PDB file of N, CA and C in Angstrom:
ATOM      1  N   MET A   1     -14.843  -0.667 -14.569  1.00  0.00           N
ATOM      2  CA  MET A   1     -14.985  -1.081 -13.201  1.00  0.00           C
ATOM      3  C   MET A   1     -14.111  -2.009 -12.322  1.00  0.00           C
ATOM      4  N   ALA A   2     -14.197  -1.740 -10.671  1.00  0.00           N
ATOM      5  CA  ALA A   2     -13.184  -2.094  -9.760  1.00  0.00           C
ATOM      6  C   ALA A   2     -12.744  -3.649 -10.462  1.00  0.00           C
ATOM      7  N   ALA A   3     -13.880  -4.614 -10.942  1.00  0.00           N
ATOM      8  CA  ALA A   3     -13.510  -5.766 -11.082  1.00  0.00           C
ATOM      9  C   ALA A   3     -12.995  -5.916 -12.057  1.00  0.00           C
ATOM     10  N   ASP A   4     -12.617  -5.646 -12.656  1.00  0.00           N
ATOM     11  CA  ASP A   4     -11.759  -5.401 -13.953  1.00  0.00           C
ATOM     12  C   ASP A   4     -10.411  -5.415 -13.680  1.00  0.00           C
ATOM     13  N   PHE A   5      -9.600  -5.029 -12.355  1.00  0.00           N
ATOM     14  CA  PHE A   5      -8.711  -4.788 -11.927  1.00  0.00           C
ATOM     15  C   PHE A   5      -8.655  -5.786 -11.420  1.00  0.00           C
ATOM     16  N   VAL A   6      -9.347  -7.073 -10.951  1.00  0.00           N
ATOM     17  CA  VAL A   6      -8.578  -8.004 -10.253  1.00  0.00           C
ATOM     18  C   VAL A   6      -8.649  -8.761 -11.093  1.00  0.00           C
ATOM     19  N   SER A   7      -7.369  -9.689 -10.706  1.00  0.00           N
ATOM     20  CA  SER A   7      -6.705 -11.401 -11.249  1.00  0.00           C
ATOM     21  C   SER A   7      -7.200 -12.384 -10.589  1.00  0.00           C
ATOM     22  N   CYS A   8      -8.033 -12.770 -10.853  1.00  0.00           N
ATOM     23  CA  CYS A   8      -8.496 -14.000  -9.825  1.00  0.00           C
ATOM     24  C   CYS A   8      -8.580 -15.868 -11.063  1.00  0.00           C
ATOM     25  N   GLU A   9      -8.950 -16.396 -10.395  1.00  0.00           N
ATOM     26  CA  GLU A   9      -9.283 -17.826 -11.674  1.00  0.00           C
ATOM     27  C   GLU A   9     -10.868 -17.901 -11.756  1.00  0.00           C
ATOM     28  N   ASP A  10     -11.310 -18.424 -12.952  1.00  0.00           N
ATOM     29  CA  ASP A  10     -12.295 -18.041 -13.819  1.00  0.00           C
ATOM     30  C   ASP A  10     -13.585 -18.487 -13.141  1.00  0.00           C
ATOM     31  N   GLU A  11     -13.524 -19.883 -11.986  1.00  0.00           N
ATOM     32  CA  GLU A  11     -14.269 -19.806 -10.911  1.00  0.00           C
ATOM     33  C   GLU A  11     -14.947 -19.077 -10.314  1.00  0.00           C
ATOM     34  N   VAL A  12     -14.106 -18.358  -9.469  1.00  0.00           N
ATOM     35  CA  VAL A  12     -14.560 -17.137  -8.499  1.00  0.00           C
ATOM     36  C   VAL A  12     -14.812 -15.793  -9.156  1.00  0.00           C
ATOM     37  N   ARG A  13     -14.642 -15.788 -10.962  1.00  0.00           N
ATOM     38  CA  ARG A  13     -14.679 -15.115 -11.250  1.00  0.00           C
ATOM     39  C   ARG A  13     -16.334 -13.714 -10.945  1.00  0.00           C
ATOM     40  N   PRO A  14     -17.193 -14.896 -11.051  1.00  0.00           N
ATOM     41  CA  PRO A  14     -18.561 -14.407 -11.130  1.00  0.00           C
ATOM     42  C   PRO A  14     -18.545 -13.621  -9.063  1.00  0.00           C
ATOM     43  N   ALA A  15     -17.739 -14.225  -8.073  1.00  0.00           N
ATOM     44  CA  ALA A  15     -17.836 -14.230  -7.064  1.00  0.00           C
ATOM     45  C   ALA A  15     -17.554 -12.200  -7.024  1.00  0.00           C
ATOM     46  N   VAL A  16     -16.441 -11.975  -7.922  1.00  0.00           N
ATOM     47  CA  VAL A  16     -15.763 -10.706  -8.211  1.00  0.00           C
ATOM     48  C   VAL A  16     -16.350  -9.456  -8.377  1.00  0.00           C
ATOM     49  N   ARG A  17     -16.967 -10.132  -9.683  1.00  0.00           N
ATOM     50  CA  ARG A  17     -17.850  -9.120 -10.655  1.00  0.00           C
ATOM     51  C   ARG A  17     -19.374  -8.877  -9.639  1.00  0.00           C
ATOM     52  N   PHE A  18     -19.620  -9.745  -8.979  1.00  0.00           N
ATOM     53  CA  PHE A  18     -21.032  -9.394  -7.802  1.00  0.00           C
ATOM     54  C   PHE A  18     -20.447  -8.640  -6.980  1.00  0.00           C
ATOM     55  N   LEU A  19     -19.258  -8.682  -5.813  1.00  0.00           N
ATOM     56  CA  LEU A  19     -18.884  -7.759  -5.020  1.00  0.00           C
ATOM     57  C   LEU A  19     -18.358  -6.652  -5.779  1.00  0.00           C
ATOM     58  N   LEU A  20     -17.612  -6.536  -6.566  1.00  0.00           N
ATOM     59  CA  LEU A  20     -17.039  -5.105  -7.167  1.00  0.00           C
ATOM     60  C   LEU A  20     -17.558  -4.571  -8.715  1.00  0.00           C
ATOM     61  N   GLY A  21     -18.707  -5.042  -9.236  1.00  0.00           N
ATOM     62  CA  GLY A  21     -19.303  -4.934  -9.817  1.00  0.00           C
ATOM     63  C   GLY A  21     -20.357  -4.103  -9.867  1.00  0.00           C
ATOM     64  N   GLN A  22     -20.176  -2.924  -9.159  1.00  0.00           N
ATOM     65  CA  GLN A  22     -20.977  -1.625  -8.522  1.00  0.00           C
ATOM     66  C   GLN A  22     -20.358  -1.020  -8.022  1.00  0.00           C
ATOM     67  N   VAL A  23     -18.706  -0.999  -8.355  1.00  0.00           N
ATOM     68  CA  VAL A  23     -17.903  -0.283  -8.266  1.00  0.00           C
ATOM     69  C   VAL A  23     -17.030   0.443  -9.222  1.00  0.00           C
ATOM     70  N   ILE A  24     -16.240   2.049  -9.092  1.00  0.00           N
ATOM     71  CA  ILE A  24     -15.334   2.344 -10.194  1.00  0.00           C
ATOM     72  C   ILE A  24     -15.066   3.206  -9.665  1.00  0.00           C
ATOM     73  N   LEU A  25     -13.245   2.791 -10.094  1.00  0.00           N
ATOM     74  CA  LEU A  25     -11.732   2.877  -9.840  1.00  0.00           C
ATOM     75  C   LEU A  25     -11.744   4.380 -10.224  1.00  0.00           C
ATOM     76  N   ALA A  26     -11.268   5.121  -9.428  1.00  0.00           N
ATOM     77  CA  ALA A  26     -10.899   6.900  -9.683  1.00  0.00           C
ATOM     78  C   ALA A  26      -9.614   7.451  -8.687  1.00  0.00           C
ATOM     79  N   GLN A  27      -9.047   7.920  -9.911  1.00  0.00           N
ATOM     80  CA  GLN A  27      -7.393   8.238  -9.551  1.00  0.00           C
ATOM     81  C   GLN A  27      -7.422   9.041  -7.937  1.00  0.00           C
ATOM     82  N   ASP A  28      -8.070   9.965  -8.341  1.00  0.00           N
ATOM     83  CA  ASP A  28      -8.265  11.147  -6.902  1.00  0.00           C
ATOM     84  C   ASP A  28      -9.741  11.620  -6.372  1.00  0.00           C
ATOM     85  N   LEU A  29     -10.124  12.214  -5.440  1.00  0.00           N
ATOM     86  CA  LEU A  29     -11.660  12.953  -4.878  1.00  0.00           C
ATOM     87  C   LEU A  29     -12.574  13.428  -6.162  1.00  0.00           C
ATOM     88  N   ASP A  30     -11.308  14.508  -6.550  1.00  0.00           N
ATOM     89  CA  ASP A  30     -12.287  15.146  -7.951  1.00  0.00           C
ATOM     90  C   ASP A  30     -12.557  14.572  -8.773  1.00  0.00           C
ATOM     91  N   SER A  31     -11.926  13.346  -9.280  1.00  0.00           N
ATOM     92  CA  SER A  31     -12.622  12.664 -10.427  1.00  0.00           C
ATOM     93  C   SER A  31     -13.236  11.644  -9.956  1.00  0.00           C
ATOM     94  N   ALA A  32     -13.125  10.964  -8.666  1.00  0.00           N
ATOM     95  CA  ALA A  32     -14.576  10.264  -8.010  1.00  0.00           C
ATOM     96  C   ALA A  32     -15.658  10.611  -7.889  1.00  0.00           C
ATOM     97  N   LEU A  33     -15.537  11.987  -7.757  1.00  0.00           N
ATOM     98  CA  LEU A  33     -17.095  12.818  -7.586  1.00  0.00           C
ATOM     99  C   LEU A  33     -17.271  13.163  -9.118  1.00  0.00           C
ATOM    100  N   ALA A  34     -16.784  13.442  -9.905  1.00  0.00           N
ATOM    101  CA  ALA A  34     -17.428  13.680 -11.123  1.00  0.00           C
ATOM    102  C   ALA A  34     -17.810  12.332 -11.588  1.00  0.00           C
ATOM    103  N   ALA A  35     -17.212  11.200 -11.888  1.00  0.00           N
ATOM    104  CA  ALA A  35     -17.424   9.917 -12.044  1.00  0.00           C
ATOM    105  C   ALA A  35     -19.443   9.266 -11.390  1.00  0.00           C
ATOM    106  N   ALA A  36     -19.256   9.668  -9.799  1.00  0.00           N
ATOM    107  CA  ALA A  36     -20.272  10.178  -9.235  1.00  0.00           C
ATOM    108  C   ALA A  36     -21.272  10.543 -10.080  1.00  0.00           C
ATOM    109  N   LYS A  37     -21.020  11.853 -10.105  1.00  0.00           N
ATOM    110  CA  LYS A  37     -22.148  13.084 -10.352  1.00  0.00           C
ATOM    111  C   LYS A  37     -22.913  12.042 -12.046  1.00  0.00           C
ATOM    112  N   GLN A  38     -21.741  11.579 -13.094  1.00  0.00           N
ATOM    113  CA  GLN A  38     -21.978  10.717 -14.098  1.00  0.00           C
ATOM    114  C   GLN A  38     -22.911   9.881 -13.812  1.00  0.00           C
ATOM    115  N   THR A  39     -22.776   9.059 -12.748  1.00  0.00           N
ATOM    116  CA  THR A  39     -23.613   7.698 -12.563  1.00  0.00           C
ATOM    117  C   THR A  39     -25.396   8.496 -12.194  1.00  0.00           C
ATOM    118  N   GLU A  40     -25.385   9.451 -11.765  1.00  0.00           N
ATOM    119  CA  GLU A  40     -26.156  10.442 -11.193  1.00  0.00           C
ATOM    120  C   GLU A  40     -26.106   9.427  -9.829  1.00  0.00           C
ATOM    121  N   MET A  41     -25.190   9.555  -8.860  1.00  0.00           N
ATOM    122  CA  MET A  41     -24.804   8.844  -7.624  1.00  0.00           C
ATOM    123  C   MET A  41     -25.688   7.751  -7.469  1.00  0.00           C
ATOM    124  N   THR A  42     -25.934   6.676  -8.478  1.00  0.00           N
ATOM    125  CA  THR A  42     -26.119   5.541  -8.175  1.00  0.00           C
ATOM    126  C   THR A  42     -24.783   4.129  -8.050  1.00  0.00           C
ATOM    127  N   MET A  43     -23.800   4.844  -8.139  1.00  0.00           N
ATOM    128  CA  MET A  43     -22.672   3.634  -7.932  1.00  0.00           C
ATOM    129  C   MET A  43     -21.242   4.152  -6.861  1.00  0.00           C
ATOM    130  N   ARG A  44     -20.872   3.565  -5.969  1.00  0.00           N
ATOM    131  CA  ARG A  44     -19.577   3.587  -5.838  1.00  0.00           C
ATOM    132  C   ARG A  44     -18.798   4.050  -5.956  1.00  0.00           C
ATOM    133  N   VAL A  45     -17.858   4.914  -5.785  1.00  0.00           N
ATOM    134  CA  VAL A  45     -16.711   5.376  -6.716  1.00  0.00           C
ATOM    135  C   VAL A  45     -15.964   5.273  -5.743  1.00  0.00           C
ATOM    136  N   VAL A  46     -14.333   4.203  -5.719  1.00  0.00           N
ATOM    137  CA  VAL A  46     -13.204   4.447  -4.654  1.00  0.00           C
ATOM    138  C   VAL A  46     -11.705   5.051  -5.151  1.00  0.00           C
ATOM    139  N   THR A  47     -11.168   6.000  -4.448  1.00  0.00           N
ATOM    140  CA  THR A  47     -10.174   6.499  -4.973  1.00  0.00           C
ATOM    141  C   THR A  47      -8.972   5.416  -4.520  1.00  0.00           C
ATOM    142  N   LEU A  48      -7.796   5.763  -5.439  1.00  0.00           N
ATOM    143  CA  LEU A  48      -6.661   5.179  -4.973  1.00  0.00           C
ATOM    144  C   LEU A  48      -6.445   5.195  -3.440  1.00  0.00           C
ATOM    145  N   ASP A  49      -6.600   6.187  -3.316  1.00  0.00           N
ATOM    146  CA  ASP A  49      -6.276   6.399  -1.750  1.00  0.00           C
ATOM    147  C   ASP A  49      -7.327   5.869  -0.604  1.00  0.00           C
ATOM    148  N   GLY A  50      -8.040   5.462  -0.946  1.00  0.00           N
ATOM    149  CA  GLY A  50      -8.998   4.965  -0.302  1.00  0.00           C
ATOM    150  C   GLY A  50     -10.668   5.887  -0.112  1.00  0.00           C
ATOM    151  N   GLU A  51     -10.378   7.032  -0.355  1.00  0.00           N
ATOM    152  CA  GLU A  51     -11.638   7.930   0.093  1.00  0.00           C
ATOM    153  C   GLU A  51     -12.844   6.810  -0.802  1.00  0.00           C
ATOM    154  N   VAL A  52     -14.151   7.117  -0.668  1.00  0.00           N
ATOM    155  CA  VAL A  52     -15.395   6.455  -0.749  1.00  0.00           C
ATOM    156  C   VAL A  52     -16.366   7.665  -1.241  1.00  0.00           C
ATOM    157  N   VAL A  53     -17.279   7.725  -2.417  1.00  0.00           N
ATOM    158  CA  VAL A  53     -17.828   8.266  -2.809  1.00  0.00           C
ATOM    159  C   VAL A  53     -19.136   6.909  -2.811  1.00  0.00           C
ATOM    160  N   TYR A  54     -20.489   7.000  -1.798  1.00  0.00           N
ATOM    161  CA  TYR A  54     -21.123   5.906  -1.667  1.00  0.00           C
ATOM    162  C   TYR A  54     -22.538   6.324  -2.870  1.00  0.00           C
ATOM    163  N   ALA A  55     -23.108   5.501  -3.557  1.00  0.00           N
ATOM    164  CA  ALA A  55     -24.437   5.913  -4.195  1.00  0.00           C
ATOM    165  C   ALA A  55     -24.914   6.834  -3.095  1.00  0.00           C
ATOM    166  N   GLY A  56     -25.450   7.069  -3.253  1.00  0.00           N
ATOM    167  CA  GLY A  56     -26.732   8.707  -3.072  1.00  0.00           C
ATOM    168  C   GLY A  56     -26.008   9.649  -2.855  1.00  0.00           C
ATOM    169  N   GLY A  57     -24.603   9.625  -2.661  1.00  0.00           N
ATOM    170  CA  GLY A  57     -23.433  10.874  -2.242  1.00  0.00           C
ATOM    171  C   GLY A  57     -22.834  11.496  -1.221  1.00  0.00           C
ATOM    172  N   SER A  58     -22.673  10.436  -0.672  1.00  0.00           N
ATOM    173  CA  SER A  58     -22.401  10.284   0.890  1.00  0.00           C
ATOM    174  C   SER A  58     -20.832   9.832   0.856  1.00  0.00           C
ATOM    175  N   MET A  59     -19.795  10.302   1.658  1.00  0.00           N
ATOM    176  CA  MET A  59     -18.452  10.184   1.360  1.00  0.00           C
ATOM    177  C   MET A  59     -17.509   9.927   2.197  1.00  0.00           C
ATOM    178  N   SER A  60     -16.722   9.200   2.709  1.00  0.00           N
ATOM    179  CA  SER A  60     -15.356   8.937   3.655  1.00  0.00           C
ATOM    180  C   SER A  60     -14.624   8.709   3.147  1.00  0.00           C
ATOM    181  N   GLY A  61     -13.456   9.003   4.468  1.00  0.00           N
ATOM    182  CA  GLY A  61     -12.217   9.469   3.778  1.00  0.00           C
ATOM    183  C   GLY A  61     -11.368   7.750   3.881  1.00  0.00           C
ATOM    184  N   GLY A  62     -10.156   7.638   3.454  1.00  0.00           N
ATOM    185  CA  GLY A  62      -9.232   7.108   3.192  1.00  0.00           C
ATOM    186  C   GLY A  62      -8.365   7.114   4.012  1.00  0.00           C
ATOM    187  N   MET A  63      -6.982   5.981   3.724  1.00  0.00           N
ATOM    188  CA  MET A  63      -6.307   5.837   4.727  1.00  0.00           C
ATOM    189  C   MET A  63      -5.401   7.203   4.541  1.00  0.00           C
ATOM    190  N   ARG A  64      -4.876   7.776   3.910  1.00  0.00           N
ATOM    191  CA  ARG A  64      -3.775   9.123   3.902  1.00  0.00           C
ATOM    192  C   ARG A  64      -4.535   9.980   3.020  1.00  0.00           C
ATOM    193  N   GLN A  65      -4.566  11.323   4.258  1.00  0.00           N
ATOM    194  CA  GLN A  65      -5.476  12.146   4.077  1.00  0.00           C
ATOM    195  C   GLN A  65      -4.128  13.415   3.438  1.00  0.00           C
ATOM    196  N   LYS A  66      -3.895  13.956   2.815  1.00  0.00           N
ATOM    197  CA  LYS A  66      -2.920  14.825   2.330  1.00  0.00           C
ATOM    198  C   LYS A  66      -1.572  14.825   2.881  1.00  0.00           C
ATOM    199  N   GLY A  67      -1.070  13.757   2.820  1.00  0.00           N
ATOM    200  CA  GLY A  67      -0.027  13.560   3.362  1.00  0.00           C
ATOM    201  C   GLY A  67       0.326  13.106   4.425  1.00  0.00           C
ATOM    202  N   ASN A  68      -0.363  12.606   5.000  1.00  0.00           N
ATOM    203  CA  ASN A  68      -0.883  12.320   6.324  1.00  0.00           C
ATOM    204  C   ASN A  68      -0.872  10.946   6.724  1.00  0.00           C
ATOM    205  N   SER A  69      -0.144  10.170   7.312  1.00  0.00           N
ATOM    206  CA  SER A  69       0.152   8.628   7.276  1.00  0.00           C
ATOM    207  C   SER A  69      -0.473   7.953   8.180  1.00  0.00           C
ATOM    208  N   SER A  70      -1.599   6.818   8.713  1.00  0.00           N
ATOM    209  CA  SER A  70      -2.358   6.441  10.095  1.00  0.00           C
ATOM    210  C   SER A  70      -1.000   6.230  10.854  1.00  0.00           C
ATOM    211  N   PHE A  71      -1.359   5.650  11.927  1.00  0.00           N
ATOM    212  CA  PHE A  71      -0.752   5.737  12.768  1.00  0.00           C
ATOM    213  C   PHE A  71      -0.331   3.915  12.419  1.00  0.00           C
ATOM    214  N   PHE A  72      -1.179   3.447  12.229  1.00  0.00           N
ATOM    215  CA  PHE A  72      -0.506   1.521  12.032  1.00  0.00           C
ATOM    216  C   PHE A  72       0.845   1.692  10.389  1.00  0.00           C
ATOM    217  N   SER A  73       0.557   2.565   9.589  1.00  0.00           N
ATOM    218  CA  SER A  73       1.248   3.192   8.475  1.00  0.00           C
ATOM    219  C   SER A  73       2.737   3.537   8.749  1.00  0.00           C
ATOM    220  N   ARG A  74       2.437   4.556  10.020  1.00  0.00           N
ATOM    221  CA  ARG A  74       3.223   5.014  10.536  1.00  0.00           C
ATOM    222  C   ARG A  74       4.550   4.007  11.110  1.00  0.00           C
ATOM    223  N   GLN A  75       3.916   3.433  11.934  1.00  0.00           N
ATOM    224  CA  GLN A  75       4.549   1.778  13.001  1.00  0.00           C
ATOM    225  C   GLN A  75       5.363   1.118  12.166  1.00  0.00           C
ATOM    226  N   GLN A  76       4.243   0.476  11.105  1.00  0.00           N
ATOM    227  CA  GLN A  76       4.983  -0.316  10.449  1.00  0.00           C
ATOM    228  C   GLN A  76       6.386   0.540   9.310  1.00  0.00           C
ATOM    229  N   GLU A  77       6.427   1.630   8.663  1.00  0.00           N
ATOM    230  CA  GLU A  77       7.352   2.313   8.704  1.00  0.00           C
ATOM    231  C   GLU A  77       9.033   2.259   9.534  1.00  0.00           C
ATOM    232  N   MET A  78       8.249   2.473  10.739  1.00  0.00           N
ATOM    233  CA  MET A  78       9.298   2.757  11.585  1.00  0.00           C
ATOM    234  C   MET A  78      10.088   1.650  11.892  1.00  0.00           C
ATOM    235  N   GLU A  79       9.139   0.393  12.076  1.00  0.00           N
ATOM    236  CA  GLU A  79       9.400  -1.283  12.009  1.00  0.00           C
ATOM    237  C   GLU A  79      10.389  -1.450  11.129  1.00  0.00           C
ATOM    238  N   ALA A  80      10.274  -1.332   9.882  1.00  0.00           N
ATOM    239  CA  ALA A  80      10.656  -1.744   8.604  1.00  0.00           C
ATOM    240  C   ALA A  80      12.530  -0.956   8.983  1.00  0.00           C
ATOM    241  N   GLY A  81      12.168   0.278   9.202  1.00  0.00           N
ATOM    242  CA  GLY A  81      13.593   1.064   9.006  1.00  0.00           C
ATOM    243  C   GLY A  81      14.557   0.451  10.413  1.00  0.00           C
ATOM    244  N   ALA A  82      13.694   0.111  11.349  1.00  0.00           N
ATOM    245  CA  ALA A  82      14.834  -0.308  12.559  1.00  0.00           C
ATOM    246  C   ALA A  82      15.473  -1.764  11.686  1.00  0.00           C
ATOM    247  N   LYS A  83      14.353  -2.135  11.244  1.00  0.00           N
ATOM    248  CA  LYS A  83      15.078  -3.775  10.576  1.00  0.00           C
ATOM    249  C   LYS A  83      15.894  -3.764  10.043  1.00  0.00           C
ATOM    250  N   ARG A  84      15.948  -2.279   9.090  1.00  0.00           N
ATOM    251  CA  ARG A  84      16.893  -2.443   7.725  1.00  0.00           C
ATOM    252  C   ARG A  84      18.109  -1.636   8.867  1.00  0.00           C
ATOM    253  N   ILE A  85      18.164  -1.308   9.516  1.00  0.00           N
ATOM    254  CA  ILE A  85      19.135  -0.778  10.387  1.00  0.00           C
ATOM    255  C   ILE A  85      19.908  -2.168  11.374  1.00  0.00           C
ATOM    256  N   ARG A  86      19.362  -2.676  12.090  1.00  0.00           N
ATOM    257  CA  ARG A  86      19.566  -3.916  12.057  1.00  0.00           C
ATOM    258  C   ARG A  86      20.529  -4.728  11.155  1.00  0.00           C
ATOM    259  N   ARG A  87      20.021  -4.814  10.375  1.00  0.00           N
ATOM    260  CA  ARG A  87      21.003  -5.807   9.014  1.00  0.00           C
ATOM    261  C   ARG A  87      21.954  -5.287   8.946  1.00  0.00           C
ATOM    262  N   GLN A  88      21.841  -4.043   8.960  1.00  0.00           N
ATOM    263  CA  GLN A  88      23.208  -3.233   8.623  1.00  0.00           C
ATOM    264  C   GLN A  88      24.078  -2.882   9.206  1.00  0.00           C
ATOM    265  N   GLU A  89      24.042  -3.172  10.533  1.00  0.00           N
ATOM    266  CA  GLU A  89      25.019  -3.277  11.784  1.00  0.00           C
ATOM    267  C   GLU A  89      25.518  -4.488  11.725  1.00  0.00           C
ATOM    268  N   GLN A  90      24.416  -5.779  11.596  1.00  0.00           N
ATOM    269  CA  GLN A  90      25.395  -6.913  11.270  1.00  0.00           C
ATOM    270  C   GLN A  90      25.734  -7.033  10.504  1.00  0.00           C
ATOM    271  N   ARG A  91      25.966  -6.572   9.423  1.00  0.00           N
ATOM    272  CA  ARG A  91      26.609  -6.482   8.148  1.00  0.00           C
ATOM    273  C   ARG A  91      28.220  -5.552   8.769  1.00  0.00           C
ATOM    274  N   ILE A  92      27.868  -4.818   9.132  1.00  0.00           N
ATOM    275  CA  ILE A  92      29.186  -3.626   9.715  1.00  0.00           C
ATOM    276  C   ILE A  92      29.761  -4.601  10.683  1.00  0.00           C
ATOM    277  N   THR A  93      29.443  -5.622  10.996  1.00  0.00           N
ATOM    278  CA  THR A  93      29.974  -6.129  12.404  1.00  0.00           C
ATOM    279  C   THR A  93      30.413  -7.103  11.918  1.00  0.00           C
ATOM    280  N   SER A  94      30.311  -8.038  10.841  1.00  0.00           N
ATOM    281  CA  SER A  94      30.316  -9.447   9.951  1.00  0.00           C
ATOM    282  C   SER A  94      31.753  -8.526   9.378  1.00  0.00           C
ATOM    283  N   LEU A  95      31.633  -7.354   8.944  1.00  0.00           N
ATOM    284  CA  LEU A  95      32.582  -7.283   7.791  1.00  0.00           C
ATOM    285  C   LEU A  95      33.732  -6.733   9.170  1.00  0.00           C
ATOM    286  N   LEU A  96      34.075  -5.951  10.120  1.00  0.00           N
ATOM    287  CA  LEU A  96      34.713  -5.719  10.895  1.00  0.00           C
ATOM    288  C   LEU A  96      35.481  -7.056  11.472  1.00  0.00           C
ATOM    289  N   ARG A  97      34.759  -8.266  11.608  1.00  0.00           N
ATOM    290  CA  ARG A  97      34.999  -9.322  12.375  1.00  0.00           C
ATOM    291  C   ARG A  97      36.048 -10.105  11.074  1.00  0.00           C
ATOM    292  N   LYS A  98      35.570  -9.870  10.253  1.00  0.00           N
ATOM    293  CA  LYS A  98      36.642 -10.710   8.925  1.00  0.00           C
ATOM    294  C   LYS A  98      37.729  -9.664   8.781  1.00  0.00           C
ATOM    295  N   ARG A  99      37.642  -8.639   9.249  1.00  0.00           N
ATOM    296  CA  ARG A  99      38.758  -7.551   9.177  1.00  0.00           C
ATOM    297  C   ARG A  99      39.285  -7.555   9.735  1.00  0.00           C
ATOM    298  N   TRP A 100      39.478  -8.021  11.458  1.00  0.00           N
ATOM    299  CA  TRP A 100      39.950  -8.253  12.213  1.00  0.00           C
ATOM    300  C   TRP A 100      40.939  -9.594  12.108  1.00  0.00           C
ATOM    301  N   LYS A 101      40.285 -10.363  11.657  1.00  0.00           N
ATOM    302  CA  LYS A 101      40.969 -12.071  11.688  1.00  0.00           C
ATOM    303  C   LYS A 101      41.961 -11.792  10.919  1.00  0.00           C
ATOM    304  N   LYS A 102      41.616 -10.925   9.499  1.00  0.00           N
ATOM    305  CA  LYS A 102      42.871 -11.062   8.191  1.00  0.00           C
ATOM    306  C   LYS A 102      44.079  -9.923   8.815  1.00  0.00           C
ATOM    307  N   LYS A 103      43.817  -9.421   9.702  1.00  0.00           N
ATOM    308  CA  LYS A 103      44.716  -8.337   9.930  1.00  0.00           C
ATOM    309  C   LYS A 103      45.697  -9.626  10.956  1.00  0.00           C
ATOM    310  N   LYS A 104      44.857 -10.076  12.387  1.00  0.00           N
ATOM    311  CA  LYS A 104      45.519 -10.720  12.974  1.00  0.00           C
ATOM    312  C   LYS A 104      46.557 -11.888  12.441  1.00  0.00           C
ATOM    313  N   MET A 105      46.169 -12.646  11.137  1.00  0.00           N
ATOM    314  CA  MET A 105      46.744 -13.612  10.441  1.00  0.00           C
ATOM    315  C   MET A 105      47.770 -12.726   9.804  1.00  0.00           C
ATOM    316  N   SER A 106      48.055 -11.910   9.516  1.00  0.00           N
ATOM    317  CA  SER A 106      49.035 -10.929   8.688  1.00  0.00           C
ATOM    318  C   SER A 106      50.326 -10.554  10.173  1.00  0.00           C
ATOM    319  N   LEU A 107      49.834 -10.418  10.878  1.00  0.00           N
ATOM    320  CA  LEU A 107      50.645 -10.573  12.171  1.00  0.00           C
ATOM    321  C   LEU A 107      51.368 -11.295  12.946  1.00  0.00           C
ATOM    322  N   LYS A 108      50.386 -12.657  12.483  1.00  0.00           N
ATOM    323  CA  LYS A 108      50.990 -14.197  12.841  1.00  0.00           C
ATOM    324  C   LYS A 108      52.304 -14.092  12.097  1.00  0.00           C
ATOM    325  N   ASN A 109      52.206 -13.751  10.585  1.00  0.00           N
ATOM    326  CA  ASN A 109      53.691 -13.991   9.617  1.00  0.00           C
ATOM    327  C   ASN A 109      54.735 -13.392   9.860  1.00  0.00           C
TER     328      ASN A 109
END
């Protein structure tokens, strides 16, 4: 059950069990379909990628579909990459300044 994978305080455990008590987690869509069939389509099964097999058998897709990222996750990756580049540029600039100062000091002596 999905509720078993949630860490929470004891006082909210009943709410977690109420919300997730009828949800099963599955590794992938094939496993989800197999689990749904075992429960005779009476429980919701969710994959790690977010695909859902609802009670009754209807399905919906997850966030990632066979290696394709959503627009928002790609945008977040690009923003994170740009941030890393800016940090590296700042680090290089700082190192060059330090090196220039050392060189300047050695020329004075």
